[in-house]
Amino acid sequence: MSLLGNYKFTNKSHPIKGIMSAVLGMIALVSMFLAIYLSYLDGMASADGMTARMQYGLAAVLAFIMALAGEIIGLVANAEKDRYRFFPILGLLLNAAALFAGVYILCAGI
């Protein structure tokens, strides 16, 4: 038995929406990275060096939409009172990185 016993000095808990935002951010970031990397490898293997499969573009668009949804969920989770802020902030950062990668792809392709 510990010195303090089983006392809990706070009633804060981790918000489920914050955890969902962090998980969506991680999935979106990994999906965006894989779409970029595999598209690069496929483009280098093609004859003209510029052609990649359309599936990689669709995966990047879906990852962008997932990151946008995760960003909104993270903002809602961050607004909750008496909750820990670790997972909502982590979700906001991961989703922002995935959104930045998607915007970078769009701007670099123009």
PDB file of N, CA and C in Angstrom:
ATOM      1  N   MET A   1       0.845  -1.179   0.000  1.00  0.00           N
ATOM      2  CA  MET A   1       0.000   0.000   0.000  1.00  0.00           C
ATOM      3  C   MET A   1       0.882   1.231   0.000  1.00  0.00           C
ATOM      4  N   SER A   2       0.521   2.189  -0.803  1.00  0.00           N
ATOM      5  CA  SER A   2       1.331   3.397  -0.905  1.00  0.00           C
ATOM      6  C   SER A   2       1.035   4.336   0.254  1.00  0.00           C
ATOM      7  N   LEU A   3       1.842   5.349   0.330  1.00  0.00           N
ATOM      8  CA  LEU A   3       1.712   6.323   1.405  1.00  0.00           C
ATOM      9  C   LEU A   3       0.394   7.082   1.325  1.00  0.00           C
ATOM     10  N   LEU A   4      -0.065   7.408   0.141  1.00  0.00           N
ATOM     11  CA  LEU A   4      -1.285   8.189  -0.013  1.00  0.00           C
ATOM     12  C   LEU A   4      -2.527   7.338  -0.195  1.00  0.00           C
ATOM     13  N   GLY A   5      -2.372   6.055  -0.347  1.00  0.00           N
ATOM     14  CA  GLY A   5      -3.526   5.193  -0.550  1.00  0.00           C
ATOM     15  C   GLY A   5      -4.069   5.332  -1.954  1.00  0.00           C
ATOM     16  N   ASN A   6      -5.353   5.265  -2.095  1.00  0.00           N
ATOM     17  CA  ASN A   6      -6.004   5.346  -3.397  1.00  0.00           C
ATOM     18  C   ASN A   6      -6.715   6.677  -3.587  1.00  0.00           C
ATOM     19  N   TYR A   7      -6.137   7.746  -3.134  1.00  0.00           N
ATOM     20  CA  TYR A   7      -6.760   9.056  -3.263  1.00  0.00           C
ATOM     21  C   TYR A   7      -6.501   9.646  -4.629  1.00  0.00           C
ATOM     22  N   LYS A   8      -7.503  10.301  -5.117  1.00  0.00           N
ATOM     23  CA  LYS A   8      -7.377  11.004  -6.390  1.00  0.00           C
ATOM     24  C   LYS A   8      -7.613  12.479  -6.083  1.00  0.00           C
ATOM     25  N   PHE A   9      -6.625  13.317  -6.377  1.00  0.00           N
ATOM     26  CA  PHE A   9      -6.693  14.715  -5.992  1.00  0.00           C
ATOM     27  C   PHE A   9      -7.286  15.605  -7.067  1.00  0.00           C
ATOM     28  N   THR A  10      -7.739  15.036  -8.141  1.00  0.00           N
ATOM     29  CA  THR A  10      -8.370  15.806  -9.202  1.00  0.00           C
ATOM     30  C   THR A  10      -9.500  14.993  -9.805  1.00  0.00           C
ATOM     31  N   ASN A  11     -10.442  15.684 -10.391  1.00  0.00           N
ATOM     32  CA  ASN A  11     -11.529  14.989 -11.069  1.00  0.00           C
ATOM     33  C   ASN A  11     -11.383  15.108 -12.579  1.00  0.00           C
ATOM     34  N   LYS A  12     -10.199  15.491 -13.045  1.00  0.00           N
ATOM     35  CA  LYS A  12      -9.952  15.602 -14.477  1.00  0.00           C
ATOM     36  C   LYS A  12      -9.806  14.212 -15.094  1.00  0.00           C
ATOM     37  N   SER A  13     -10.149  14.136 -16.363  1.00  0.00           N
ATOM     38  CA  SER A  13      -9.963  12.886 -17.105  1.00  0.00           C
ATOM     39  C   SER A  13      -9.576  13.239 -18.538  1.00  0.00           C
ATOM     40  N   HIS A  14      -9.115  12.241 -19.265  1.00  0.00           N
ATOM     41  CA  HIS A  14      -8.749  12.445 -20.658  1.00  0.00           C
ATOM     42  C   HIS A  14     -10.011  12.391 -21.511  1.00  0.00           C
ATOM     43  N   PRO A  15     -10.228  13.399 -22.359  1.00  0.00           N
ATOM     44  CA  PRO A  15     -11.438  13.384 -23.189  1.00  0.00           C
ATOM     45  C   PRO A  15     -11.332  12.355 -24.318  1.00  0.00           C
ATOM     46  N   ILE A  16     -12.416  11.643 -24.541  1.00  0.00           N
ATOM     47  CA  ILE A  16     -12.460  10.643 -25.606  1.00  0.00           C
ATOM     48  C   ILE A  16     -12.268  11.309 -26.969  1.00  0.00           C
ATOM     49  N   LYS A  17     -12.838  12.497 -27.142  1.00  0.00           N
ATOM     50  CA  LYS A  17     -12.683  13.202 -28.415  1.00  0.00           C
ATOM     51  C   LYS A  17     -11.222  13.585 -28.658  1.00  0.00           C
ATOM     52  N   GLY A  18     -10.494  13.906 -27.598  1.00  0.00           N
ATOM     53  CA  GLY A  18      -9.077  14.226 -27.744  1.00  0.00           C
ATOM     54  C   GLY A  18      -8.269  13.020 -28.178  1.00  0.00           C
ATOM     55  N   ILE A  19      -8.587  11.866 -27.614  1.00  0.00           N
ATOM     56  CA  ILE A  19      -7.903  10.632 -28.003  1.00  0.00           C
ATOM     57  C   ILE A  19      -8.241  10.284 -29.452  1.00  0.00           C
ATOM     58  N   MET A  20      -9.524  10.473 -29.839  1.00  0.00           N
ATOM     59  CA  MET A  20      -9.915  10.231 -31.227  1.00  0.00           C
ATOM     60  C   MET A  20      -9.174  11.164 -32.172  1.00  0.00           C
ATOM     61  N   SER A  21      -9.012  12.411 -31.771  1.00  0.00           N
ATOM     62  CA  SER A  21      -8.303  13.378 -32.605  1.00  0.00           C
ATOM     63  C   SER A  21      -6.845  12.978 -32.785  1.00  0.00           C
ATOM     64  N   ALA A  22      -6.213  12.517 -31.717  1.00  0.00           N
ATOM     65  CA  ALA A  22      -4.815  12.098 -31.806  1.00  0.00           C
ATOM     66  C   ALA A  22      -4.661  10.865 -32.693  1.00  0.00           C
ATOM     67  N   VAL A  23      -5.580   9.919 -32.573  1.00  0.00           N
ATOM     68  CA  VAL A  23      -5.517   8.712 -33.403  1.00  0.00           C
ATOM     69  C   VAL A  23      -5.760   9.060 -34.876  1.00  0.00           C
ATOM     70  N   LEU A  24      -6.750   9.912 -35.140  1.00  0.00           N
ATOM     71  CA  LEU A  24      -6.999  10.339 -36.522  1.00  0.00           C
ATOM     72  C   LEU A  24      -5.802  11.092 -37.088  1.00  0.00           C
ATOM     73  N   GLY A  25      -5.170  11.910 -36.270  1.00  0.00           N
ATOM     74  CA  GLY A  25      -3.993  12.642 -36.719  1.00  0.00           C
ATOM     75  C   GLY A  25      -2.841  11.715 -37.064  1.00  0.00           C
ATOM     76  N   MET A  26      -2.639  10.695 -36.250  1.00  0.00           N
ATOM     77  CA  MET A  26      -1.561   9.749 -36.523  1.00  0.00           C
ATOM     78  C   MET A  26      -1.841   8.963 -37.801  1.00  0.00           C
ATOM     79  N   ILE A  27      -3.084   8.511 -37.972  1.00  0.00           N
ATOM     80  CA  ILE A  27      -3.440   7.767 -39.180  1.00  0.00           C
ATOM     81  C   ILE A  27      -3.318   8.657 -40.410  1.00  0.00           C
ATOM     82  N   ALA A  28      -3.787   9.895 -40.308  1.00  0.00           N
ATOM     83  CA  ALA A  28      -3.727  10.815 -41.448  1.00  0.00           C
ATOM     84  C   ALA A  28      -2.286  11.152 -41.810  1.00  0.00           C
ATOM     85  N   LEU A  29      -1.452  11.364 -40.808  1.00  0.00           N
ATOM     86  CA  LEU A  29      -0.055  11.713 -41.072  1.00  0.00           C
ATOM     87  C   LEU A  29       0.698  10.546 -41.705  1.00  0.00           C
ATOM     88  N   VAL A  30       0.484   9.346 -41.200  1.00  0.00           N
ATOM     89  CA  VAL A  30       1.135   8.165 -41.778  1.00  0.00           C
ATOM     90  C   VAL A  30       0.619   7.913 -43.191  1.00  0.00           C
ATOM     91  N   SER A  31      -0.691   8.065 -43.397  1.00  0.00           N
ATOM     92  CA  SER A  31      -1.257   7.864 -44.734  1.00  0.00           C
ATOM     93  C   SER A  31      -0.722   8.885 -45.720  1.00  0.00           C
ATOM     94  N   MET A  32      -0.615  10.132 -45.289  1.00  0.00           N
ATOM     95  CA  MET A  32      -0.089  11.183 -46.168  1.00  0.00           C
ATOM     96  C   MET A  32       1.376  10.899 -46.512  1.00  0.00           C
ATOM     97  N   PHE A  33       2.159  10.499 -45.520  1.00  0.00           N
ATOM     98  CA  PHE A  33       3.563  10.177 -45.769  1.00  0.00           C
ATOM     99  C   PHE A  33       3.698   9.012 -46.738  1.00  0.00           C
ATOM    100  N   LEU A  34       2.901   7.952 -46.522  1.00  0.00           N
ATOM    101  CA  LEU A  34       2.977   6.800 -47.414  1.00  0.00           C
ATOM    102  C   LEU A  34       2.519   7.141 -48.830  1.00  0.00           C
ATOM    103  N   ALA A  35       1.490   7.975 -48.954  1.00  0.00           N
ATOM    104  CA  ALA A  35       1.030   8.374 -50.290  1.00  0.00           C
ATOM    105  C   ALA A  35       2.116   9.158 -51.016  1.00  0.00           C
ATOM    106  N   ILE A  36       2.784  10.050 -50.308  1.00  0.00           N
ATOM    107  CA  ILE A  36       3.852  10.837 -50.926  1.00  0.00           C
ATOM    108  C   ILE A  36       5.029   9.942 -51.298  1.00  0.00           C
ATOM    109  N   TYR A  37       5.443   9.090 -50.388  1.00  0.00           N
ATOM    110  CA  TYR A  37       6.619   8.245 -50.607  1.00  0.00           C
ATOM    111  C   TYR A  37       6.376   7.229 -51.723  1.00  0.00           C
ATOM    112  N   LEU A  38       5.228   6.558 -51.681  1.00  0.00           N
ATOM    113  CA  LEU A  38       4.943   5.559 -52.711  1.00  0.00           C
ATOM    114  C   LEU A  38       4.711   6.202 -54.072  1.00  0.00           C
ATOM    115  N   SER A  39       4.140   7.393 -54.092  1.00  0.00           N
ATOM    116  CA  SER A  39       3.985   8.115 -55.350  1.00  0.00           C
ATOM    117  C   SER A  39       5.343   8.497 -55.920  1.00  0.00           C
ATOM    118  N   TYR A  40       6.239   8.892 -55.054  1.00  0.00           N
ATOM    119  CA  TYR A  40       7.599   9.218 -55.497  1.00  0.00           C
ATOM    120  C   TYR A  40       8.288   7.991 -56.083  1.00  0.00           C
ATOM    121  N   LEU A  41       8.192   6.859 -55.385  1.00  0.00           N
ATOM    122  CA  LEU A  41       8.812   5.632 -55.887  1.00  0.00           C
ATOM    123  C   LEU A  41       8.192   5.186 -57.202  1.00  0.00           C
ATOM    124  N   ASP A  42       6.874   5.305 -57.324  1.00  0.00           N
ATOM    125  CA  ASP A  42       6.198   4.908 -58.558  1.00  0.00           C
ATOM    126  C   ASP A  42       6.555   5.844 -59.707  1.00  0.00           C
ATOM    127  N   GLY A  43       6.716   7.124 -59.414  1.00  0.00           N
ATOM    128  CA  GLY A  43       7.104   8.083 -60.448  1.00  0.00           C
ATOM    129  C   GLY A  43       8.516   7.845 -60.937  1.00  0.00           C
ATOM    130  N   MET A  44       9.399   7.454 -60.046  1.00  0.00           N
ATOM    131  CA  MET A  44      10.778   7.178 -60.449  1.00  0.00           C
ATOM    132  C   MET A  44      10.875   5.895 -61.259  1.00  0.00           C
ATOM    133  N   ALA A  45       9.973   4.957 -61.028  1.00  0.00           N
ATOM    134  CA  ALA A  45      10.022   3.685 -61.741  1.00  0.00           C
ATOM    135  C   ALA A  45       9.362   3.766 -63.116  1.00  0.00           C
ATOM    136  N   SER A  46       8.556   4.804 -63.355  1.00  0.00           N
ATOM    137  CA  SER A  46       7.871   4.902 -64.645  1.00  0.00           C
ATOM    138  C   SER A  46       8.838   5.381 -65.725  1.00  0.00           C
ATOM    139  N   ALA A  47       8.425   5.221 -66.963  1.00  0.00           N
ATOM    140  CA  ALA A  47       9.303   5.540 -68.094  1.00  0.00           C
ATOM    141  C   ALA A  47       9.584   7.023 -68.203  1.00  0.00           C
ATOM    142  N   ASP A  48       8.554   7.851 -68.008  1.00  0.00           N
ATOM    143  CA  ASP A  48       8.771   9.283 -68.162  1.00  0.00           C
ATOM    144  C   ASP A  48       9.184   9.974 -66.863  1.00  0.00           C
ATOM    145  N   GLY A  49       9.134   9.283 -65.745  1.00  0.00           N
ATOM    146  CA  GLY A  49       9.581   9.854 -64.477  1.00  0.00           C
ATOM    147  C   GLY A  49       8.589  10.801 -63.838  1.00  0.00           C
ATOM    148  N   MET A  50       7.404  10.952 -64.415  1.00  0.00           N
ATOM    149  CA  MET A  50       6.435  11.906 -63.882  1.00  0.00           C
ATOM    150  C   MET A  50       5.091  11.269 -63.548  1.00  0.00           C
ATOM    151  N   THR A  51       4.843  10.063 -63.980  1.00  0.00           N
ATOM    152  CA  THR A  51       3.534   9.459 -63.834  1.00  0.00           C
ATOM    153  C   THR A  51       3.484   8.634 -62.551  1.00  0.00           C
ATOM    154  N   ALA A  52       2.417   8.819 -61.795  1.00  0.00           N
ATOM    155  CA  ALA A  52       2.175   8.018 -60.598  1.00  0.00           C
ATOM    156  C   ALA A  52       0.734   7.534 -60.647  1.00  0.00           C
ATOM    157  N   ARG A  53       0.415   6.550 -59.866  1.00  0.00           N
ATOM    158  CA  ARG A  53      -0.928   5.994 -59.863  1.00  0.00           C
ATOM    159  C   ARG A  53      -1.917   6.971 -59.221  1.00  0.00           C
ATOM    160  N   MET A  54      -3.151   6.903 -59.688  1.00  0.00           N
ATOM    161  CA  MET A  54      -4.197   7.776 -59.168  1.00  0.00           C
ATOM    162  C   MET A  54      -4.591   7.389 -57.744  1.00  0.00           C
ATOM    163  N   GLN A  55      -4.362   6.143 -57.350  1.00  0.00           N
ATOM    164  CA  GLN A  55      -4.717   5.686 -56.018  1.00  0.00           C
ATOM    165  C   GLN A  55      -3.951   6.457 -54.937  1.00  0.00           C
ATOM    166  N   TYR A  56      -2.727   6.847 -55.229  1.00  0.00           N
ATOM    167  CA  TYR A  56      -1.942   7.593 -54.245  1.00  0.00           C
ATOM    168  C   TYR A  56      -2.520   8.987 -54.034  1.00  0.00           C
ATOM    169  N   GLY A  57      -3.002   9.590 -55.096  1.00  0.00           N
ATOM    170  CA  GLY A  57      -3.657  10.893 -54.972  1.00  0.00           C
ATOM    171  C   GLY A  57      -4.946  10.796 -54.180  1.00  0.00           C
ATOM    172  N   LEU A  58      -5.715   9.742 -54.413  1.00  0.00           N
ATOM    173  CA  LEU A  58      -6.945   9.540 -53.656  1.00  0.00           C
ATOM    174  C   LEU A  58      -6.644   9.297 -52.183  1.00  0.00           C
ATOM    175  N   ALA A  59      -5.592   8.548 -51.895  1.00  0.00           N
ATOM    176  CA  ALA A  59      -5.199   8.312 -50.501  1.00  0.00           C
ATOM    177  C   ALA A  59      -4.798   9.616 -49.828  1.00  0.00           C
ATOM    178  N   ALA A  60      -4.112  10.495 -50.542  1.00  0.00           N
ATOM    179  CA  ALA A  60      -3.721  11.791 -49.976  1.00  0.00           C
ATOM    180  C   ALA A  60      -4.943  12.670 -49.726  1.00  0.00           C
ATOM    181  N   VAL A  61      -5.924  12.644 -50.645  1.00  0.00           N
ATOM    182  CA  VAL A  61      -7.143  13.436 -50.450  1.00  0.00           C
ATOM    183  C   VAL A  61      -7.931  12.912 -49.256  1.00  0.00           C
ATOM    184  N   LEU A  62      -8.046  11.594 -49.120  1.00  0.00           N
ATOM    185  CA  LEU A  62      -8.757  11.017 -47.980  1.00  0.00           C
ATOM    186  C   LEU A  62      -8.027  11.307 -46.664  1.00  0.00           C
ATOM    187  N   ALA A  63      -6.703  11.281 -46.688  1.00  0.00           N
ATOM    188  CA  ALA A  63      -5.940  11.627 -45.489  1.00  0.00           C
ATOM    189  C   ALA A  63      -6.133  13.099 -45.135  1.00  0.00           C
ATOM    190  N   PHE A  64      -6.245  13.957 -46.141  1.00  0.00           N
ATOM    191  CA  PHE A  64      -6.499  15.375 -45.901  1.00  0.00           C
ATOM    192  C   PHE A  64      -7.868  15.579 -45.250  1.00  0.00           C
ATOM    193  N   ILE A  65      -8.881  14.877 -45.751  1.00  0.00           N
ATOM    194  CA  ILE A  65     -10.225  14.974 -45.165  1.00  0.00           C
ATOM    195  C   ILE A  65     -10.231  14.427 -43.740  1.00  0.00           C
ATOM    196  N   MET A  66      -9.513  13.328 -43.520  1.00  0.00           N
ATOM    197  CA  MET A  66      -9.417  12.757 -42.180  1.00  0.00           C
ATOM    198  C   MET A  66      -8.723  13.724 -41.219  1.00  0.00           C
ATOM    199  N   ALA A  67      -7.686  14.395 -41.696  1.00  0.00           N
ATOM    200  CA  ALA A  67      -6.987  15.368 -40.859  1.00  0.00           C
ATOM    201  C   ALA A  67      -7.864  16.569 -40.550  1.00  0.00           C
ATOM    202  N   LEU A  68      -8.672  16.979 -41.503  1.00  0.00           N
ATOM    203  CA  LEU A  68      -9.595  18.087 -41.273  1.00  0.00           C
ATOM    204  C   LEU A  68     -10.630  17.715 -40.210  1.00  0.00           C
ATOM    205  N   ALA A  69     -11.174  16.509 -40.298  1.00  0.00           N
ATOM    206  CA  ALA A  69     -12.129  16.038 -39.290  1.00  0.00           C
ATOM    207  C   ALA A  69     -11.455  15.913 -37.925  1.00  0.00           C
ATOM    208  N   GLY A  70     -10.230  15.401 -37.901  1.00  0.00           N
ATOM    209  CA  GLY A  70      -9.504  15.281 -36.635  1.00  0.00           C
ATOM    210  C   GLY A  70      -9.188  16.635 -36.017  1.00  0.00           C
ATOM    211  N   GLU A  71      -8.925  17.622 -36.859  1.00  0.00           N
ATOM    212  CA  GLU A  71      -8.656  18.980 -36.363  1.00  0.00           C
ATOM    213  C   GLU A  71      -9.908  19.567 -35.699  1.00  0.00           C
ATOM    214  N   ILE A  72     -11.056  19.362 -36.313  1.00  0.00           N
ATOM    215  CA  ILE A  72     -12.312  19.865 -35.739  1.00  0.00           C
ATOM    216  C   ILE A  72     -12.622  19.153 -34.429  1.00  0.00           C
ATOM    217  N   ILE A  73     -12.448  17.842 -34.398  1.00  0.00           N
ATOM    218  CA  ILE A  73     -12.693  17.090 -33.162  1.00  0.00           C
ATOM    219  C   ILE A  73     -11.716  17.529 -32.073  1.00  0.00           C
ATOM    220  N   GLY A  74     -10.457  17.789 -32.444  1.00  0.00           N
ATOM    221  CA  GLY A  74      -9.480  18.258 -31.473  1.00  0.00           C
ATOM    222  C   GLY A  74      -9.819  19.624 -30.898  1.00  0.00           C
ATOM    223  N   LEU A  75     -10.346  20.511 -31.738  1.00  0.00           N
ATOM    224  CA  LEU A  75     -10.765  21.822 -31.251  1.00  0.00           C
ATOM    225  C   LEU A  75     -11.938  21.715 -30.289  1.00  0.00           C
ATOM    226  N   VAL A  76     -12.885  20.829 -30.604  1.00  0.00           N
ATOM    227  CA  VAL A  76     -14.024  20.619 -29.707  1.00  0.00           C
ATOM    228  C   VAL A  76     -13.553  20.017 -28.386  1.00  0.00           C
ATOM    229  N   ALA A  77     -12.634  19.069 -28.439  1.00  0.00           N
ATOM    230  CA  ALA A  77     -12.124  18.432 -27.219  1.00  0.00           C
ATOM    231  C   ALA A  77     -11.306  19.407 -26.384  1.00  0.00           C
ATOM    232  N   ASN A  78     -10.615  20.317 -27.033  1.00  0.00           N
ATOM    233  CA  ASN A  78      -9.803  21.291 -26.305  1.00  0.00           C
ATOM    234  C   ASN A  78     -10.670  22.318 -25.583  1.00  0.00           C
ATOM    235  N   ALA A  79     -11.900  22.505 -26.038  1.00  0.00           N
ATOM    236  CA  ALA A  79     -12.794  23.482 -25.418  1.00  0.00           C
ATOM    237  C   ALA A  79     -13.508  22.936 -24.185  1.00  0.00           C
ATOM    238  N   GLU A  80     -13.426  21.636 -23.938  1.00  0.00           N
ATOM    239  CA  GLU A  80     -14.094  21.047 -22.777  1.00  0.00           C
ATOM    240  C   GLU A  80     -13.410  21.493 -21.490  1.00  0.00           C
ATOM    241  N   LYS A  81     -14.213  21.690 -20.466  1.00  0.00           N
ATOM    242  CA  LYS A  81     -13.700  22.131 -19.171  1.00  0.00           C
ATOM    243  C   LYS A  81     -13.313  20.932 -18.301  1.00  0.00           C
ATOM    244  N   ASP A  82     -12.363  21.149 -17.409  1.00  0.00           N
ATOM    245  CA  ASP A  82     -11.891  20.148 -16.440  1.00  0.00           C
ATOM    246  C   ASP A  82     -11.449  18.851 -17.113  1.00  0.00           C
ATOM    247  N   ARG A  83     -10.670  18.984 -18.151  1.00  0.00           N
ATOM    248  CA  ARG A  83     -10.116  17.836 -18.862  1.00  0.00           C
ATOM    249  C   ARG A  83      -8.623  18.047 -19.032  1.00  0.00           C
ATOM    250  N   TYR A  84      -7.892  16.958 -19.136  1.00  0.00           N
ATOM    251  CA  TYR A  84      -6.474  17.049 -19.471  1.00  0.00           C
ATOM    252  C   TYR A  84      -6.334  17.505 -20.919  1.00  0.00           C
ATOM    253  N   ARG A  85      -5.283  18.220 -21.228  1.00  0.00           N
ATOM    254  CA  ARG A  85      -5.117  18.810 -22.544  1.00  0.00           C
ATOM    255  C   ARG A  85      -4.109  18.069 -23.422  1.00  0.00           C
ATOM    256  N   PHE A  86      -3.518  16.992 -22.944  1.00  0.00           N
ATOM    257  CA  PHE A  86      -2.449  16.335 -23.685  1.00  0.00           C
ATOM    258  C   PHE A  86      -2.926  15.802 -25.032  1.00  0.00           C
ATOM    259  N   PHE A  87      -3.967  14.972 -25.034  1.00  0.00           N
ATOM    260  CA  PHE A  87      -4.424  14.356 -26.277  1.00  0.00           C
ATOM    261  C   PHE A  87      -5.060  15.350 -27.250  1.00  0.00           C
ATOM    262  N   PRO A  88      -5.863  16.319 -26.781  1.00  0.00           N
ATOM    263  CA  PRO A  88      -6.363  17.306 -27.750  1.00  0.00           C
ATOM    264  C   PRO A  88      -5.244  18.115 -28.414  1.00  0.00           C
ATOM    265  N   ILE A  89      -4.239  18.518 -27.650  1.00  0.00           N
ATOM    266  CA  ILE A  89      -3.121  19.277 -28.227  1.00  0.00           C
ATOM    267  C   ILE A  89      -2.309  18.395 -29.168  1.00  0.00           C
ATOM    268  N   LEU A  90      -2.062  17.157 -28.782  1.00  0.00           N
ATOM    269  CA  LEU A  90      -1.343  16.220 -29.649  1.00  0.00           C
ATOM    270  C   LEU A  90      -2.116  15.994 -30.948  1.00  0.00           C
ATOM    271  N   GLY A  91      -3.432  15.825 -30.843  1.00  0.00           N
ATOM    272  CA  GLY A  91      -4.250  15.651 -32.036  1.00  0.00           C
ATOM    273  C   GLY A  91      -4.230  16.878 -32.934  1.00  0.00           C
ATOM    274  N   LEU A  92      -4.274  18.064 -32.321  1.00  0.00           N
ATOM    275  CA  LEU A  92      -4.217  19.295 -33.115  1.00  0.00           C
ATOM    276  C   LEU A  92      -2.890  19.404 -33.854  1.00  0.00           C
ATOM    277  N   LEU A  93      -1.796  19.057 -33.208  1.00  0.00           N
ATOM    278  CA  LEU A  93      -0.486  19.150 -33.849  1.00  0.00           C
ATOM    279  C   LEU A  93      -0.321  18.132 -34.980  1.00  0.00           C
ATOM    280  N   LEU A  94      -0.741  16.893 -34.729  1.00  0.00           N
ATOM    281  CA  LEU A  94      -0.618  15.858 -35.764  1.00  0.00           C
ATOM    282  C   LEU A  94      -1.500  16.163 -36.971  1.00  0.00           C
ATOM    283  N   ASN A  95      -2.725  16.598 -36.703  1.00  0.00           N
ATOM    284  CA  ASN A  95      -3.627  16.930 -37.807  1.00  0.00           C
ATOM    285  C   ASN A  95      -3.148  18.163 -38.560  1.00  0.00           C
ATOM    286  N   ALA A  96      -2.583  19.132 -37.845  1.00  0.00           N
ATOM    287  CA  ALA A  96      -2.054  20.315 -38.522  1.00  0.00           C
ATOM    288  C   ALA A  96      -0.883  19.942 -39.430  1.00  0.00           C
ATOM    289  N   ALA A  97      -0.052  19.005 -38.990  1.00  0.00           N
ATOM    290  CA  ALA A  97       1.066  18.559 -39.828  1.00  0.00           C
ATOM    291  C   ALA A  97       0.554  17.858 -41.084  1.00  0.00           C
ATOM    292  N   ALA A  98      -0.488  17.034 -40.948  1.00  0.00           N
ATOM    293  CA  ALA A  98      -1.059  16.355 -42.119  1.00  0.00           C
ATOM    294  C   ALA A  98      -1.730  17.357 -43.051  1.00  0.00           C
ATOM    295  N   LEU A  99      -2.413  18.350 -42.496  1.00  0.00           N
ATOM    296  CA  LEU A  99      -3.029  19.382 -43.327  1.00  0.00           C
ATOM    297  C   LEU A  99      -1.967  20.202 -44.051  1.00  0.00           C
ATOM    298  N   PHE A 100      -0.878  20.507 -43.355  1.00  0.00           N
ATOM    299  CA  PHE A 100       0.211  21.247 -43.978  1.00  0.00           C
ATOM    300  C   PHE A 100       0.807  20.455 -45.138  1.00  0.00           C
ATOM    301  N   ALA A 101       0.968  19.142 -44.954  1.00  0.00           N
ATOM    302  CA  ALA A 101       1.496  18.304 -46.036  1.00  0.00           C
ATOM    303  C   ALA A 101       0.552  18.293 -47.234  1.00  0.00           C
ATOM    304  N   GLY A 102      -0.761  18.238 -46.979  1.00  0.00           N
ATOM    305  CA  GLY A 102      -1.715  18.260 -48.073  1.00  0.00           C
ATOM    306  C   GLY A 102      -1.721  19.582 -48.819  1.00  0.00           C
ATOM    307  N   VAL A 103      -1.641  20.681 -48.091  1.00  0.00           N
ATOM    308  CA  VAL A 103      -1.586  22.001 -48.734  1.00  0.00           C
ATOM    309  C   VAL A 103      -0.284  22.149 -49.501  1.00  0.00           C
ATOM    310  N   TYR A 104       0.796  21.623 -48.963  1.00  0.00           N
ATOM    311  CA  TYR A 104       2.088  21.678 -49.655  1.00  0.00           C
ATOM    312  C   TYR A 104       2.044  20.904 -50.974  1.00  0.00           C
ATOM    313  N   ILE A 105       1.384  19.742 -50.967  1.00  0.00           N
ATOM    314  CA  ILE A 105       1.250  18.958 -52.183  1.00  0.00           C
ATOM    315  C   ILE A 105       0.464  19.743 -53.233  1.00  0.00           C
ATOM    316  N   LEU A 106      -0.616  20.376 -52.795  1.00  0.00           N
ATOM    317  CA  LEU A 106      -1.427  21.150 -53.736  1.00  0.00           C
ATOM    318  C   LEU A 106      -0.646  22.335 -54.295  1.00  0.00           C
ATOM    319  N   CYS A 107       0.077  23.036 -53.446  1.00  0.00           N
ATOM    320  CA  CYS A 107       0.833  24.208 -53.910  1.00  0.00           C
ATOM    321  C   CYS A 107       2.033  23.810 -54.772  1.00  0.00           C
ATOM    322  N   ALA A 108       2.672  22.700 -54.455  1.00  0.00           N
ATOM    323  CA  ALA A 108       3.834  22.262 -55.221  1.00  0.00           C
ATOM    324  C   ALA A 108       3.411  21.701 -56.579  1.00  0.00           C
ATOM    325  N   GLY A 109       2.179  21.215 -56.684  1.00  0.00           N
ATOM    326  CA  GLY A 109       1.728  20.648 -57.940  1.00  0.00           C
ATOM    327  C   GLY A 109       1.228  21.665 -58.939  1.00  0.00           C
ATOM    328  N   ILE A 110       1.029  22.876 -58.500  1.00  0.00           N
ATOM    329  CA  ILE A 110       0.495  23.918 -59.396  1.00  0.00           C
ATOM    330  C   ILE A 110       1.616  24.539 -60.201  1.00  0.00           C
TER     331      ILE A 110
END
